[in-house]
Structure formats: structure tokens, C-alpha cells
N, C-alpha and C. Protein backbone atom coordinates (compact mmCIF):
# COMPACT_ATOMS: atom_id res chain seq x y z
N MET A 1 110.47 76.40 129.85
CA MET A 1 109.82 77.36 128.28
C MET A 1 110.09 78.92 128.53
N SER A 2 110.27 79.57 127.72
CA SER A 2 110.51 80.62 127.14
C SER A 2 109.32 81.74 127.56
N PHE A 3 109.09 82.92 127.26
CA PHE A 3 107.74 83.44 127.08
C PHE A 3 106.87 83.76 125.86
N ALA A 4 107.76 83.57 124.61
CA ALA A 4 107.60 83.48 123.58
C ALA A 4 106.81 81.57 123.20
N ASP A 5 107.16 80.57 123.93
CA ASP A 5 106.73 79.70 123.95
C ASP A 5 105.55 79.63 124.49
N ASP A 6 105.56 80.35 126.00
CA ASP A 6 103.94 80.40 126.67
C ASP A 6 103.37 81.13 125.67
N LEU A 7 103.30 82.12 125.49
CA LEU A 7 102.62 82.95 123.82
C LEU A 7 102.18 82.32 123.29
N MET A 8 103.07 81.29 122.43
CA MET A 8 102.36 80.62 121.10
C MET A 8 101.80 79.66 121.90
N HIS A 9 102.09 78.97 122.97
CA HIS A 9 101.15 77.77 123.49
C HIS A 9 99.77 78.54 123.92
N ALA A 10 99.61 79.48 124.32
CA ALA A 10 98.43 80.19 124.71
C ALA A 10 97.56 80.32 123.14
N ALA A 11 98.63 81.26 122.06
CA ALA A 11 97.75 81.32 121.08
C ALA A 11 97.20 80.36 120.33
N ASN A 12 97.64 79.45 120.53
CA ASN A 12 97.33 77.79 120.19
C ASN A 12 96.23 77.36 120.30
N ALA A 13 96.40 77.23 122.04
CA ALA A 13 95.49 77.03 122.61
C ALA A 13 93.67 77.76 122.72
N LEU A 14 93.69 78.92 122.43
CA LEU A 14 92.78 80.18 122.43
C LEU A 14 91.96 79.97 121.00
N LEU A 15 93.15 79.96 120.22
CA LEU A 15 92.45 80.06 118.43
C LEU A 15 92.16 78.66 117.75
N GLU A 16 92.81 77.51 118.79
CA GLU A 16 92.77 75.67 117.96
C GLU A 16 91.14 75.65 117.75
N LYS A 17 89.95 75.95 118.30
CA LYS A 17 88.68 75.94 117.91
C LYS A 17 88.28 76.68 117.10
N LYS A 18 89.13 77.72 116.53
CA LYS A 18 88.87 78.86 115.70
C LYS A 18 89.42 78.41 114.24
N ARG A 19 89.73 76.86 114.17
CA ARG A 19 90.17 76.56 113.07
C ARG A 19 91.65 77.48 112.57
N SER A 20 92.59 77.89 113.39
CA SER A 20 93.95 78.26 113.21
C SER A 20 94.97 77.33 112.52
N ASN A 21 96.17 78.19 112.47
CA ASN A 21 97.21 77.16 112.06
C ASN A 21 98.22 77.97 112.66
N ILE A 22 99.88 77.49 112.64
CA ILE A 22 100.81 77.92 112.92
C ILE A 22 101.22 78.99 112.30
N THR A 23 100.68 79.45 111.07
CA THR A 23 101.11 80.88 110.67
C THR A 23 100.42 81.97 111.42
N GLU A 24 99.02 81.53 111.57
CA GLU A 24 98.66 82.92 112.09
C GLU A 24 98.59 83.05 113.89
N ALA A 25 99.16 81.57 114.53
CA ALA A 25 99.79 81.86 115.57
C ALA A 25 100.84 82.67 115.80
N MET A 26 101.60 82.74 114.74
CA MET A 26 103.19 83.62 114.85
C MET A 26 102.56 85.08 114.37
N VAL A 27 101.48 85.15 113.78
CA VAL A 27 101.28 86.54 113.59
C VAL A 27 100.74 87.12 114.90
N LEU A 28 99.90 86.09 115.62
CA LEU A 28 99.69 86.34 116.92
C LEU A 28 100.47 87.05 118.13
N ILE A 29 101.60 85.88 118.03
CA ILE A 29 102.97 86.09 118.87
C ILE A 29 103.59 87.35 118.63
N ALA A 30 103.43 88.08 117.55
CA ALA A 30 103.85 89.26 117.02
C ALA A 30 103.28 89.99 117.92
N ASN A 31 102.27 90.14 117.92
CA ASN A 31 100.94 91.42 118.17
C ASN A 31 99.97 90.33 119.54
N PRO A 32 100.54 90.26 120.47
CA PRO A 32 99.73 89.75 122.01
C PRO A 32 98.70 90.53 122.24
N ALA A 33 99.24 92.29 122.16
CA ALA A 33 97.95 92.97 122.72
C ALA A 33 96.65 93.13 121.86
N SER A 34 97.18 92.49 120.47
CA SER A 34 95.55 92.66 119.95
C SER A 34 94.68 91.43 119.90
N LEU A 35 94.95 90.39 120.84
CA LEU A 35 94.73 89.18 120.89
C LEU A 35 93.17 89.10 121.10
N PRO A 36 92.65 89.68 122.71
CA PRO A 36 91.39 90.35 122.83
C PRO A 36 90.63 90.65 121.62
N LYS A 37 90.85 91.60 120.90
CA LYS A 37 90.29 92.15 119.80
C LYS A 37 89.70 91.03 118.66
N ILE A 38 90.95 90.64 118.57
CA ILE A 38 90.84 89.36 117.60
C ILE A 38 89.62 88.38 118.00
N LEU A 39 89.95 87.88 119.22
CA LEU A 39 88.77 86.92 119.50
C LEU A 39 87.70 87.41 119.60
N ARG A 40 87.63 88.99 120.01
CA ARG A 40 86.22 88.85 120.03
C ARG A 40 85.57 89.26 118.56
N ALA A 41 85.94 90.12 117.77
CA ALA A 41 85.80 90.03 116.54
C ALA A 41 85.43 88.90 115.94
N LYS A 42 86.16 87.56 115.83
CA LYS A 42 85.77 86.30 115.39
C LYS A 42 84.66 85.46 116.12
N GLU A 43 84.44 86.10 117.55
CA GLU A 43 83.33 85.54 117.91
C GLU A 43 82.27 86.06 117.56
N GLU A 44 81.91 87.45 117.34
CA GLU A 44 81.18 88.45 116.63
C GLU A 44 80.75 87.93 115.49
N ALA A 45 81.88 87.80 114.66
CA ALA A 45 81.59 87.89 113.07
C ALA A 45 80.76 86.13 112.96
N GLU A 46 81.25 85.18 113.85
CA GLU A 46 80.81 83.98 113.90
C GLU A 46 79.10 83.69 114.24
N SER A 47 78.92 84.90 115.16
CA SER A 47 77.67 84.45 115.89
C SER A 47 76.83 85.20 114.84
N TRP A 48 77.18 86.25 114.10
CA TRP A 48 76.34 87.29 113.25
C TRP A 48 76.12 85.79 111.92
N SER A 49 76.94 85.32 111.63
CA SER A 49 76.77 84.80 110.61
C SER A 49 76.16 83.45 110.23
N ARG A 50 76.20 82.98 111.55
CA ARG A 50 75.35 81.81 112.15
C ARG A 50 73.71 82.36 112.18
N ALA A 51 73.55 83.22 112.40
CA ALA A 51 71.95 84.26 112.68
C ALA A 51 71.57 84.19 111.20
N VAL A 52 72.35 84.95 110.55
CA VAL A 52 72.06 84.85 108.74
C VAL A 52 71.70 84.05 108.35
N SER A 53 72.96 82.92 108.32
CA SER A 53 72.63 81.96 107.64
C SER A 53 70.95 80.86 107.81
N TYR A 54 70.31 81.76 109.08
CA TYR A 54 69.10 81.09 109.20
C TYR A 54 67.70 82.14 108.34
N ALA A 55 68.24 82.82 107.86
CA ALA A 55 67.47 83.86 107.25
C ALA A 55 66.55 83.11 106.08
N PHE A 56 64.97 83.24 106.29
CA PHE A 56 64.48 82.97 104.98
C PHE A 56 64.61 81.07 105.19
N THR A 57 64.57 80.56 106.86
CA THR A 57 64.18 79.45 106.69
C THR A 57 62.94 79.06 107.50
N ASP A 58 62.23 80.14 108.25
CA ASP A 58 61.87 79.55 108.80
C ASP A 58 60.24 78.99 108.66
N ASP A 59 60.15 78.59 107.28
CA ASP A 59 58.85 78.02 106.53
C ASP A 59 59.57 76.51 106.19
N LEU A 60 60.68 76.01 106.52
CA LEU A 60 61.62 74.97 106.52
C LEU A 60 61.21 74.31 107.76
N PRO A 61 61.29 72.94 107.62
CA PRO A 61 61.50 71.85 108.59
C PRO A 61 62.55 72.05 109.05
N ARG A 62 62.89 71.80 110.62
CA ARG A 62 63.80 72.14 111.12
C ARG A 62 65.22 71.50 110.77
N ASP A 63 64.84 70.44 110.50
CA ASP A 63 66.48 69.58 109.98
C ASP A 63 66.68 70.11 108.33
N VAL A 64 65.77 70.53 107.64
CA VAL A 64 65.68 71.10 106.40
C VAL A 64 66.59 72.57 106.69
N ALA A 65 65.73 73.38 107.31
CA ALA A 65 66.46 74.54 107.41
C ALA A 65 67.91 74.57 108.35
N ASP A 66 68.47 73.70 109.21
CA ASP A 66 69.75 73.41 109.54
C ASP A 66 70.75 73.13 108.72
N LYS A 67 70.23 72.36 107.58
CA LYS A 67 70.88 71.56 106.15
C LYS A 67 71.30 73.02 105.55
N VAL A 68 69.87 74.06 105.20
CA VAL A 68 70.56 75.07 104.22
C VAL A 68 71.22 76.11 105.20
N ALA A 69 71.04 75.92 106.35
CA ALA A 69 71.79 77.18 107.28
C ALA A 69 73.48 76.63 107.13
N LYS A 70 73.95 75.11 107.42
CA LYS A 70 75.07 74.89 107.18
C LYS A 70 75.62 75.26 105.44
N ALA A 71 74.84 74.76 104.82
CA ALA A 71 75.68 74.94 103.81
C ALA A 71 75.69 76.63 103.00
N SER A 72 74.85 77.56 103.74
CA SER A 72 75.33 78.81 103.33
C SER A 72 76.55 79.21 104.20
N ARG A 73 76.35 78.41 105.54
CA ARG A 73 77.76 78.93 106.20
C ARG A 73 79.22 77.67 105.69
N THR A 74 79.17 77.43 104.50
CA THR A 74 80.41 76.53 104.12
C THR A 74 80.25 77.18 102.32
N ASN A 75 81.20 78.06 102.34
CA ASN A 75 81.77 78.85 100.72
C ASN A 75 80.05 79.43 100.65
N GLY A 76 78.99 79.53 101.34
CA GLY A 76 78.47 80.29 100.93
C GLY A 76 77.82 81.83 101.48
N PRO A 77 76.77 82.10 100.84
CA PRO A 77 76.40 83.48 101.69
C PRO A 77 76.78 84.01 102.89
N ALA A 78 76.27 82.72 103.90
CA ALA A 78 76.44 83.35 105.00
C ALA A 78 78.47 83.33 105.42
N ASP A 79 78.97 82.73 104.68
CA ASP A 79 79.99 82.43 104.74
C ASP A 79 80.82 83.70 104.29
N ALA A 80 80.28 84.47 103.38
CA ALA A 80 80.88 85.15 102.30
C ALA A 80 80.76 86.26 103.42
N LEU A 81 79.64 86.39 103.98
CA LEU A 81 79.21 87.80 105.20
C LEU A 81 80.16 87.61 105.96
N ARG A 82 80.55 86.47 106.65
CA ARG A 82 81.38 86.52 107.86
C ARG A 82 82.77 86.44 107.54
N HIS A 83 83.36 86.26 106.64
CA HIS A 83 84.73 86.75 106.21
C HIS A 83 84.73 88.16 106.19
N CYS A 84 83.88 88.81 105.47
CA CYS A 84 83.92 90.35 105.03
C CYS A 84 83.51 91.06 106.53
N TYR A 85 82.58 90.55 107.54
CA TYR A 85 82.25 91.08 108.45
C TYR A 85 83.72 91.08 109.42
N LEU A 86 84.19 90.21 109.58
CA LEU A 86 85.67 90.10 110.26
C LEU A 86 86.42 90.80 109.89
N ALA A 87 86.80 90.98 108.63
CA ALA A 87 87.75 92.13 107.75
C ALA A 87 87.43 93.09 108.62
N ALA A 88 86.37 93.40 108.28
CA ALA A 88 85.76 95.16 108.60
C ALA A 88 85.85 95.32 109.76
N LEU A 89 85.87 94.37 110.81
CA LEU A 89 85.69 94.60 112.10
C LEU A 89 87.41 94.59 112.67
N LEU A 90 88.29 93.75 111.93
CA LEU A 90 89.49 94.00 112.43
C LEU A 90 90.16 95.22 111.76
N GLY A 91 89.67 95.60 110.48
CA GLY A 91 90.33 96.40 109.65
C GLY A 91 90.27 97.89 110.62
N ARG A 92 88.57 97.88 111.04
CA ARG A 92 88.62 99.23 111.73
C ARG A 92 89.38 99.09 113.21
N ASP A 93 89.47 98.14 113.86
CA ASP A 93 89.84 97.73 114.93
C ASP A 93 91.59 97.76 115.26
N LEU A 94 92.28 97.08 114.13
CA LEU A 94 93.28 96.93 114.01
C LEU A 94 94.19 97.70 113.36
N GLY A 95 93.52 98.41 112.04
CA GLY A 95 94.45 99.01 110.96
C GLY A 95 94.57 97.95 109.99
N TYR A 96 94.52 98.44 108.85
CA TYR A 96 94.81 97.70 107.80
C TYR A 96 96.15 96.59 107.69
N THR A 97 97.36 97.10 107.95
CA THR A 97 98.52 96.30 107.76
C THR A 97 98.35 95.10 108.63
N GLU A 98 97.92 95.29 109.95
CA GLU A 98 97.89 94.24 111.11
C GLU A 98 96.80 93.14 110.38
N ALA A 99 95.86 93.76 110.26
CA ALA A 99 94.46 92.86 109.85
C ALA A 99 94.63 91.96 108.32
N LEU A 100 95.50 92.70 107.80
CA LEU A 100 95.58 91.98 106.41
C LEU A 100 96.74 90.83 106.58
N THR A 101 97.66 91.31 107.56
CA THR A 101 98.76 90.06 107.83
C THR A 101 97.99 88.95 108.38
N LEU A 102 97.38 89.24 109.25
CA LEU A 102 96.38 87.89 110.51
C LEU A 102 95.53 87.15 109.19
N LEU A 103 94.37 87.98 108.64
CA LEU A 103 93.22 87.07 107.69
C LEU A 103 94.14 86.43 106.74
N THR A 104 95.42 87.08 106.12
CA THR A 104 96.05 86.32 104.70
C THR A 104 96.73 84.85 105.72
N ALA A 105 97.17 84.83 107.19
CA ALA A 105 98.07 84.13 107.67
C ALA A 105 97.05 82.92 107.81
N HIS A 106 96.09 83.20 108.08
CA HIS A 106 94.60 81.99 108.49
C HIS A 106 94.49 81.47 107.39
N GLU A 107 94.77 82.01 106.08
CA GLU A 107 94.25 81.24 104.60
C GLU A 107 95.45 80.76 104.33
N MET A 108 96.68 80.35 104.98
CA MET A 108 98.15 79.98 104.93
C MET A 108 97.97 78.49 105.49
N ASN A 109 97.15 77.57 104.85
CA ASN A 109 96.81 76.51 105.27
C ASN A 109 96.72 75.51 104.03
N SER A 110 96.33 74.22 104.43
CA SER A 110 96.46 72.83 103.24
C SER A 110 95.55 73.49 102.24
N GLU A 111 94.51 74.20 102.43
CA GLU A 111 93.50 74.79 101.15
C GLU A 111 93.89 76.03 100.78
N PHE A 112 95.20 76.50 100.55
CA PHE A 112 95.66 77.70 100.23
C PHE A 112 95.52 77.60 98.44
N GLY A 113 95.27 78.67 98.14
CA GLY A 113 94.77 78.63 96.86
C GLY A 113 93.92 77.64 96.14
N THR A 114 93.36 77.17 96.93
CA THR A 114 91.94 76.61 96.20
C THR A 114 90.76 77.53 96.07
N PRO A 115 89.74 77.46 95.64
CA PRO A 115 88.91 78.11 95.04
C PRO A 115 88.12 78.67 96.57
N ALA A 116 87.99 77.83 97.28
CA ALA A 116 87.17 78.01 98.76
C ALA A 116 88.33 79.41 99.78
N SER A 117 89.37 79.14 99.40
CA SER A 117 90.42 79.69 99.85
C SER A 117 90.57 81.64 99.06
N ARG A 118 90.75 81.05 97.38
CA ARG A 118 90.21 82.45 96.77
C ARG A 118 88.90 83.33 97.32
N MET A 119 87.97 82.85 97.59
CA MET A 119 86.83 83.25 98.02
C MET A 119 86.96 83.76 99.19
N ASP A 120 87.91 83.47 99.93
CA ASP A 120 88.05 83.74 101.56
C ASP A 120 88.66 85.32 101.41
N LEU A 121 89.82 85.10 100.37
CA LEU A 121 91.06 86.26 100.37
C LEU A 121 90.08 87.67 99.56
N HIS A 122 89.16 87.17 98.88
CA HIS A 122 88.30 88.13 98.07
C HIS A 122 87.48 88.90 99.05
N ASN A 123 86.63 87.66 99.77
CA ASN A 123 85.85 88.74 100.86
C ASN A 123 86.38 89.77 102.04
N ASN A 124 87.45 88.99 102.55
CA ASN A 124 88.60 89.90 103.61
C ASN A 124 89.01 91.29 102.89
N ALA A 125 89.59 90.97 101.55
CA ALA A 125 89.73 92.51 101.04
C ALA A 125 88.71 93.50 101.18
N VAL A 126 87.02 93.04 100.63
CA VAL A 126 86.50 93.97 100.42
C VAL A 126 86.11 94.16 101.91
N GLY A 127 86.10 93.20 103.08
CA GLY A 127 85.71 93.73 104.11
C GLY A 127 86.95 94.93 105.06
N LEU A 128 87.96 94.66 104.83
CA LEU A 128 89.25 95.51 104.75
C LEU A 128 89.22 97.16 104.71
N GLU A 129 88.80 96.88 103.26
CA GLU A 129 87.91 98.52 102.49
C GLU A 129 86.95 98.69 103.89
N ILE A 130 86.13 98.52 103.74
CA ILE A 130 84.75 98.80 104.86
C ILE A 130 85.68 99.26 105.80
N GLY A 131 86.12 98.56 106.84
CA GLY A 131 86.85 98.59 107.90
C GLY A 131 87.55 99.72 108.35
N VAL A 132 88.52 99.95 107.10
CA VAL A 132 89.13 100.90 107.40
C VAL A 132 88.79 102.28 106.96
N ARG A 133 87.55 102.16 106.15
CA ARG A 133 87.15 103.14 105.38
C ARG A 133 86.50 103.97 106.89
N MET A 134 85.85 103.11 107.29
CA MET A 134 84.88 103.55 108.49
C MET A 134 85.46 103.48 109.71
N LYS A 135 86.55 103.85 110.03
CA LYS A 135 87.15 103.93 111.35
C LYS A 135 86.69 104.06 112.80
N THR A 136 85.48 104.46 112.50
CA THR A 136 84.96 105.21 113.45
C THR A 136 83.37 104.55 113.79
N ALA A 137 83.13 103.59 112.92
CA ALA A 137 81.74 103.07 112.77
C ALA A 137 81.51 102.08 114.06
N SER A 138 80.12 102.13 114.34
CA SER A 138 79.45 100.98 115.55
C SER A 138 79.89 99.53 114.80
N ASP A 139 79.50 98.33 115.21
CA ASP A 139 79.38 97.15 114.76
C ASP A 139 78.00 96.84 113.87
N THR A 140 77.19 97.62 114.37
CA THR A 140 76.15 97.90 113.81
C THR A 140 76.29 98.54 112.25
N ASP A 141 77.01 99.50 112.13
CA ASP A 141 77.09 100.41 110.97
C ASP A 141 77.95 99.23 110.19
N LEU A 142 78.90 98.38 110.55
CA LEU A 142 79.72 97.41 109.55
C LEU A 142 78.59 96.78 109.13
N THR A 143 78.11 96.13 109.73
CA THR A 143 77.27 95.09 109.44
C THR A 143 76.22 95.49 108.16
N VAL A 144 75.88 96.71 108.20
CA VAL A 144 75.20 97.24 107.16
C VAL A 144 75.92 97.50 106.14
N ALA A 145 77.16 97.70 106.40
CA ALA A 145 77.63 98.23 105.01
C ALA A 145 78.29 96.83 104.33
N VAL A 146 78.48 95.70 105.04
CA VAL A 146 79.11 94.40 104.47
C VAL A 146 77.48 93.51 104.10
N VAL A 147 76.22 93.76 104.55
CA VAL A 147 75.16 93.45 103.96
C VAL A 147 75.26 94.73 102.21
N ASP A 148 75.24 95.77 102.30
CA ASP A 148 75.57 96.41 101.37
C ASP A 148 76.29 95.91 100.18
N ALA A 149 77.29 95.35 100.53
CA ALA A 149 78.16 95.15 99.76
C ALA A 149 78.13 93.69 99.17
N PHE A 150 77.34 93.13 100.13
CA PHE A 150 76.98 91.83 99.93
C PHE A 150 75.81 91.66 98.61
N LEU A 151 74.70 92.74 99.04
CA LEU A 151 73.84 93.06 97.63
C LEU A 151 74.22 93.45 96.72
N GLN A 152 75.18 94.46 96.53
CA GLN A 152 75.78 94.65 95.63
C GLN A 152 76.59 94.12 94.58
N GLY A 153 76.78 92.81 95.10
CA GLY A 153 77.53 91.53 94.42
C GLY A 153 78.89 91.90 94.35
N ARG A 154 79.37 92.65 95.51
CA ARG A 154 80.75 92.66 95.65
C ARG A 154 81.59 91.83 96.13
N LEU A 155 80.78 90.46 97.11
CA LEU A 155 81.29 89.73 97.94
C LEU A 155 81.01 88.15 96.63
N ARG A 156 81.94 87.13 97.06
CA ARG A 156 81.77 85.86 96.13
C ARG A 156 81.39 85.08 97.18
N VAL A 157 80.71 83.97 96.42
CA VAL A 157 80.77 82.80 97.06
C VAL A 157 81.11 81.49 95.96
N LEU A 158 80.96 80.49 95.96
CA LEU A 158 80.95 79.32 95.05
C LEU A 158 80.12 78.69 94.61
N ASP A 159 80.31 78.77 93.15
CA ASP A 159 78.77 78.06 92.69
C ASP A 159 79.26 76.67 92.11
N LYS A 160 78.81 75.61 93.18
CA LYS A 160 79.25 74.44 93.51
C LYS A 160 78.62 73.74 91.77
N ALA A 161 77.62 74.11 91.38
CA ALA A 161 77.13 73.36 90.05
C ALA A 161 78.40 74.04 88.85
N ASP A 162 79.12 74.88 89.63
CA ASP A 162 79.83 75.26 87.80
C ASP A 162 81.24 74.92 88.78
N GLY A 163 81.37 73.82 89.05
CA GLY A 163 82.87 73.85 89.18
C GLY A 163 83.65 74.32 89.89
N ASP A 164 82.95 74.86 91.56
CA ASP A 164 83.28 75.60 92.40
C ASP A 164 83.97 77.20 91.92
N LYS A 165 83.26 77.45 90.75
CA LYS A 165 83.29 79.07 90.33
C LYS A 165 83.22 79.90 91.45
N LEU A 166 84.05 80.92 91.56
CA LEU A 166 83.78 82.33 92.35
C LEU A 166 82.61 83.05 91.45
N VAL A 167 81.65 83.39 92.09
CA VAL A 167 80.37 84.27 91.45
C VAL A 167 80.68 85.25 92.39
N PRO A 168 79.51 86.74 91.88
CA PRO A 168 79.18 87.34 93.13
C PRO A 168 78.07 86.89 93.71
N THR A 169 77.85 87.79 95.11
CA THR A 169 76.67 87.57 95.96
C THR A 169 75.27 88.18 94.97
N ARG A 170 74.41 87.29 95.39
CA ARG A 170 72.95 87.63 94.89
C ARG A 170 71.95 87.69 95.56
N SER A 171 71.86 86.68 96.58
CA SER A 171 70.71 86.04 97.76
C SER A 171 71.26 85.88 98.71
N LEU A 172 70.46 85.43 99.92
CA LEU A 172 71.18 84.82 100.98
C LEU A 172 70.33 83.58 100.84
N THR A 173 69.42 83.12 99.89
CA THR A 173 68.91 82.22 99.83
C THR A 173 69.31 81.53 98.79
N PHE A 174 71.04 81.79 98.27
CA PHE A 174 71.76 80.69 97.45
C PHE A 174 71.42 79.27 97.98
N GLY A 175 71.58 78.51 96.67
CA GLY A 175 71.45 76.97 97.03
C GLY A 175 70.31 76.43 97.72
N ARG A 176 69.03 77.39 97.58
CA ARG A 176 68.03 76.95 98.09
C ARG A 176 66.90 76.76 96.61
């Protein structure tokens, strides 16, 4: 095996559990020094999104809260926040071009062009703008900017009741 083969294998193995694809792995091969930052950003965004998905569920039974949180993380508010925050982290840490290339490569899968993919690409674009504009910001400052974009309706979620139409974000309790 060549070095490139080893690197591709490592990138695929590390990102497989993160819903990666071969296009994304190829981008990582071209930028191996960025892999630790990318993995950290993905883990941070996923963890934060998961916590946010349980916002306003304290009054619900655990099984219902889990269902509401899962719905929020699937083309809902928490998913929009995760994509925006991840893009903000990558835009800040990797710069616009490398982050845009990676985020777009991640979307190059069988769902490319679907409403869910368009939602992700839109929210990534907002996050990139935030991250590039806030190059010296802390993670906390980025979360504040992302939540602000969310509350201003700059992010998009899918309205499942209206044929998966992209609609501006309005509330963390969307779908309840």
C-alpha cells in the first residue's frame, strides 16, 4: 500500500461513523494536517446539537423527550444549528476555501440536491460566514453567533407538513 492508500484508509475509518463518503475522504487526503481540527469540530458540533435538541423537553416523559429531540436533530432546529456551528468552527479554524470544500464534499452523497441537502448547504453557508467573520472568536462566541442567526431566521429547517419545504428557523420547539 502507498502512503495515499494508507491515508485514505485512515480517513475513511475515522470518519465512517460520522456519515462520511469517498468524496469527503479525498478532500481529507489532500489536507491531512487538518484532520484533527475537523474531527474535533465535528464532535463539538454534534455534542452541542444533541444538548440543544433536548431544550424545552424537561416537562415531557423521557420517551417523548427522546422522540422530540431526535426529530429536532433530523432536518429540524438542532440539525440546522449543528450544520451552522460546524461550518462556523471550520471556517474559523481552516479558512473559507478549505472549509467550503470539505462541507460541500460531505454533502456529495445519494441525497445531494434533496431538500435535506439544500437545507444543510444553506446552513453551512451561514456558518461559514460567521466563522470567517469571527476568526479570533472562542467556541462560546461562535455558539452565540449561531444561535443569533437561528433566532433571526437566517437558518433553514424542513417543514415536513408542507412537502419538505425549506422554512426559516423560528423556535427550538419546532415539531412539538
